[in-house]
């Protein structure tokens, strides 16, 4: 049986500030980053240094799905034109 996951609505692709604080149990970004690293969550930092977590990734992770990177960034090259 194939599960169909709903995709985030446009503009709702990343966790909100409130959702990230609820997930990590911390309001301060340094504590959020510490929690994300400790729990082995993939995240990026925006220009202001705030952690950014994708909503689809978070939904999968919270559902117990093991999320792995398919292609390592160092192996990826843009298509030649």
N, C-alpha and C. Protein backbone atom coordinates (compact mmCIF):
# COMPACT_ATOMS: atom_id res chain seq x y z
N UNK A 1 0.85 -1.18 0.00
CA UNK A 1 0.00 0.00 0.00
C UNK A 1 0.89 1.23 0.00
N UNK A 2 0.61 2.17 -0.86
CA UNK A 2 1.39 3.39 -0.97
C UNK A 2 0.69 4.50 -0.20
N UNK A 3 1.45 5.15 0.66
CA UNK A 3 0.90 6.28 1.42
C UNK A 3 1.04 7.55 0.61
N UNK A 4 0.02 8.36 0.61
CA UNK A 4 0.07 9.64 -0.08
C UNK A 4 0.12 10.72 0.98
N UNK A 5 1.21 11.48 0.96
CA UNK A 5 1.39 12.55 1.94
C UNK A 5 0.95 13.87 1.34
N UNK A 6 0.20 14.66 2.10
CA UNK A 6 -0.19 15.97 1.58
C UNK A 6 1.02 16.90 1.55
N UNK A 7 1.14 17.66 0.48
CA UNK A 7 2.23 18.62 0.37
C UNK A 7 1.84 19.91 1.08
N UNK A 8 2.83 20.64 1.59
CA UNK A 8 2.52 21.92 2.24
C UNK A 8 1.89 22.89 1.24
N UNK A 9 1.06 23.75 1.74
CA UNK A 9 0.46 24.79 0.91
C UNK A 9 1.54 25.78 0.50
N UNK A 10 1.41 26.42 -0.65
CA UNK A 10 2.39 27.44 -1.05
C UNK A 10 2.52 28.51 0.03
N UNK A 11 3.75 28.85 0.35
CA UNK A 11 4.01 29.83 1.41
C UNK A 11 4.10 29.20 2.78
N UNK A 12 3.86 27.88 2.87
CA UNK A 12 3.84 27.18 4.15
C UNK A 12 4.87 26.05 4.13
N UNK A 13 5.93 26.22 3.34
CA UNK A 13 6.92 25.15 3.15
C UNK A 13 7.84 24.95 4.33
N UNK A 14 8.01 25.97 5.17
CA UNK A 14 8.91 25.85 6.32
C UNK A 14 8.13 26.03 7.61
N UNK A 15 8.68 25.50 8.69
CA UNK A 15 8.04 25.65 9.99
C UNK A 15 8.05 27.12 10.40
N UNK A 16 6.97 27.56 10.97
CA UNK A 16 6.89 28.93 11.48
C UNK A 16 7.77 29.06 12.71
N UNK A 17 8.02 30.28 13.10
CA UNK A 17 8.80 30.56 14.31
C UNK A 17 8.14 29.87 15.51
N UNK A 18 6.83 29.95 15.57
CA UNK A 18 6.09 29.34 16.69
C UNK A 18 6.20 27.82 16.66
N UNK A 19 6.06 27.23 15.47
CA UNK A 19 6.14 25.77 15.35
C UNK A 19 7.53 25.27 15.70
N UNK A 20 8.56 25.99 15.29
CA UNK A 20 9.92 25.59 15.62
C UNK A 20 10.17 25.69 17.12
N UNK A 21 9.65 26.73 17.74
CA UNK A 21 9.79 26.87 19.19
C UNK A 21 9.04 25.75 19.92
N UNK A 22 7.87 25.39 19.41
CA UNK A 22 7.11 24.30 20.03
C UNK A 22 7.82 22.96 19.85
N UNK A 23 8.39 22.73 18.66
CA UNK A 23 9.11 21.50 18.37
C UNK A 23 10.31 21.34 19.29
N UNK A 24 11.11 22.40 19.40
CA UNK A 24 12.36 22.32 20.15
C UNK A 24 12.20 22.60 21.63
N UNK A 25 11.10 23.22 22.00
CA UNK A 25 10.90 23.59 23.40
C UNK A 25 11.73 24.80 23.80
N UNK A 26 12.20 25.54 22.80
CA UNK A 26 13.05 26.70 23.07
C UNK A 26 12.67 27.86 22.16
N UNK A 27 12.73 29.07 22.71
CA UNK A 27 12.46 30.27 21.93
C UNK A 27 13.77 30.81 21.37
N UNK A 28 14.84 30.72 22.13
CA UNK A 28 16.14 31.23 21.68
C UNK A 28 16.70 30.37 20.56
N UNK A 29 17.18 31.02 19.51
CA UNK A 29 17.66 30.27 18.35
C UNK A 29 18.87 29.41 18.65
N UNK A 30 19.75 29.84 19.56
CA UNK A 30 20.91 29.01 19.87
C UNK A 30 20.48 27.70 20.53
N UNK A 31 19.44 27.75 21.34
CA UNK A 31 18.92 26.53 21.97
C UNK A 31 18.15 25.67 20.96
N UNK A 32 17.48 26.31 20.00
CA UNK A 32 16.81 25.57 18.95
C UNK A 32 17.84 24.81 18.10
N UNK A 33 18.92 25.50 17.73
CA UNK A 33 19.97 24.87 16.94
C UNK A 33 20.60 23.72 17.71
N UNK A 34 20.82 23.92 19.00
CA UNK A 34 21.38 22.86 19.85
C UNK A 34 20.47 21.64 19.84
N UNK A 35 19.16 21.84 19.98
CA UNK A 35 18.19 20.74 19.99
C UNK A 35 18.18 20.03 18.64
N UNK A 36 18.17 20.81 17.55
CA UNK A 36 18.14 20.23 16.21
C UNK A 36 19.37 19.36 15.96
N UNK A 37 20.53 19.85 16.37
CA UNK A 37 21.77 19.08 16.19
C UNK A 37 21.75 17.82 17.06
N UNK A 38 21.36 17.98 18.31
CA UNK A 38 21.33 16.85 19.24
C UNK A 38 20.41 15.74 18.75
N UNK A 39 19.29 16.12 18.16
CA UNK A 39 18.30 15.15 17.69
C UNK A 39 18.47 14.80 16.22
N UNK A 40 19.57 15.24 15.64
CA UNK A 40 19.97 14.89 14.28
C UNK A 40 18.93 15.27 13.22
N UNK A 41 18.45 16.51 13.34
CA UNK A 41 17.52 17.05 12.36
C UNK A 41 18.31 17.85 11.34
N UNK A 42 17.92 17.74 10.07
CA UNK A 42 18.53 18.53 9.02
C UNK A 42 17.87 19.91 9.03
N UNK A 43 18.69 20.95 8.98
CA UNK A 43 18.17 22.31 8.95
C UNK A 43 19.18 23.21 8.25
N UNK A 44 18.72 24.37 7.86
CA UNK A 44 19.58 25.41 7.29
C UNK A 44 19.45 26.64 8.18
N UNK A 45 20.37 27.56 8.02
CA UNK A 45 20.28 28.84 8.70
C UNK A 45 19.98 29.92 7.66
N UNK A 46 19.06 30.81 8.00
CA UNK A 46 18.80 31.92 7.08
C UNK A 46 19.85 33.01 7.30
N UNK A 47 19.76 34.05 6.55
CA UNK A 47 20.75 35.13 6.64
C UNK A 47 20.85 35.72 8.04
N UNK A 48 19.75 35.73 8.77
CA UNK A 48 19.74 36.26 10.14
C UNK A 48 20.23 35.27 11.18
N UNK A 49 20.57 34.04 10.76
CA UNK A 49 21.06 33.03 11.69
C UNK A 49 19.97 32.18 12.33
N UNK A 50 18.74 32.34 11.86
CA UNK A 50 17.63 31.55 12.40
C UNK A 50 17.60 30.17 11.73
N UNK A 51 17.32 29.11 12.49
CA UNK A 51 17.22 27.78 11.89
C UNK A 51 15.94 27.67 11.04
N UNK A 52 16.09 27.03 9.89
CA UNK A 52 14.97 26.83 8.97
C UNK A 52 14.78 25.32 8.78
N UNK A 53 13.56 24.84 9.04
CA UNK A 53 13.24 23.42 8.89
C UNK A 53 12.06 23.30 7.94
N UNK A 54 12.19 22.44 6.95
CA UNK A 54 11.11 22.21 6.01
C UNK A 54 9.94 21.49 6.67
N UNK A 55 8.73 21.92 6.34
CA UNK A 55 7.54 21.33 6.96
C UNK A 55 7.35 19.86 6.55
N UNK A 56 7.56 19.54 5.28
CA UNK A 56 7.41 18.15 4.84
C UNK A 56 8.43 17.26 5.56
N UNK A 57 9.67 17.74 5.66
CA UNK A 57 10.71 17.00 6.38
C UNK A 57 10.28 16.79 7.83
N UNK A 58 9.80 17.83 8.48
CA UNK A 58 9.38 17.73 9.88
C UNK A 58 8.23 16.73 10.03
N UNK A 59 7.27 16.77 9.12
CA UNK A 59 6.15 15.83 9.19
C UNK A 59 6.62 14.38 9.06
N UNK A 60 7.54 14.15 8.13
CA UNK A 60 8.08 12.80 7.95
C UNK A 60 8.86 12.37 9.19
N UNK A 61 9.71 13.23 9.67
CA UNK A 61 10.55 12.92 10.83
C UNK A 61 9.67 12.62 12.06
N UNK A 62 8.66 13.44 12.28
CA UNK A 62 7.77 13.24 13.43
C UNK A 62 6.90 12.00 13.28
N UNK A 63 6.74 11.53 12.04
CA UNK A 63 5.96 10.32 11.79
C UNK A 63 6.79 9.05 11.90
N UNK A 64 8.09 9.23 12.17
CA UNK A 64 8.95 8.07 12.33
C UNK A 64 9.57 7.59 11.04
N UNK A 65 9.42 8.35 9.97
CA UNK A 65 10.02 7.97 8.69
C UNK A 65 11.49 8.39 8.72
N UNK A 66 12.38 7.45 8.35
CA UNK A 66 13.80 7.78 8.30
C UNK A 66 14.07 8.50 6.98
N UNK A 67 14.47 9.75 7.09
CA UNK A 67 14.72 10.58 5.92
C UNK A 67 16.21 10.58 5.65
N UNK A 68 16.59 10.16 4.45
CA UNK A 68 18.00 10.14 4.06
C UNK A 68 18.19 10.98 2.82
N UNK A 69 19.36 11.55 2.72
CA UNK A 69 19.71 12.31 1.52
C UNK A 69 20.00 11.31 0.41
N UNK A 70 19.37 11.49 -0.72
CA UNK A 70 19.56 10.58 -1.84
C UNK A 70 20.90 10.83 -2.53
N UNK A 71 21.22 12.08 -2.75
CA UNK A 71 22.47 12.44 -3.42
C UNK A 71 23.24 13.38 -2.52
N UNK A 72 24.49 13.07 -2.25
CA UNK A 72 25.32 13.96 -1.46
C UNK A 72 25.55 15.24 -2.26
N UNK A 73 25.55 16.38 -1.58
CA UNK A 73 25.72 17.66 -2.27
C UNK A 73 27.05 17.70 -3.03
N UNK A 74 28.09 17.09 -2.49
CA UNK A 74 29.39 17.13 -3.15
C UNK A 74 29.38 16.33 -4.45
N UNK A 75 28.42 15.42 -4.60
CA UNK A 75 28.33 14.61 -5.81
C UNK A 75 27.43 15.23 -6.87
N UNK A 76 26.63 16.18 -6.49
CA UNK A 76 25.67 16.75 -7.42
C UNK A 76 26.33 17.83 -8.26
N UNK A 77 26.01 17.84 -9.53
CA UNK A 77 26.47 18.89 -10.43
C UNK A 77 25.27 19.35 -11.23
N UNK A 78 25.21 20.65 -11.51
CA UNK A 78 24.10 21.12 -12.32
C UNK A 78 24.15 20.52 -13.72
N UNK A 79 23.00 20.31 -14.34
CA UNK A 79 23.00 19.74 -15.68
C UNK A 79 23.70 20.67 -16.66
N UNK A 80 24.45 20.08 -17.57
CA UNK A 80 25.12 20.90 -18.58
C UNK A 80 24.14 21.24 -19.67
N UNK A 81 24.28 22.43 -20.20
CA UNK A 81 23.34 22.88 -21.26
C UNK A 81 24.02 22.91 -22.60
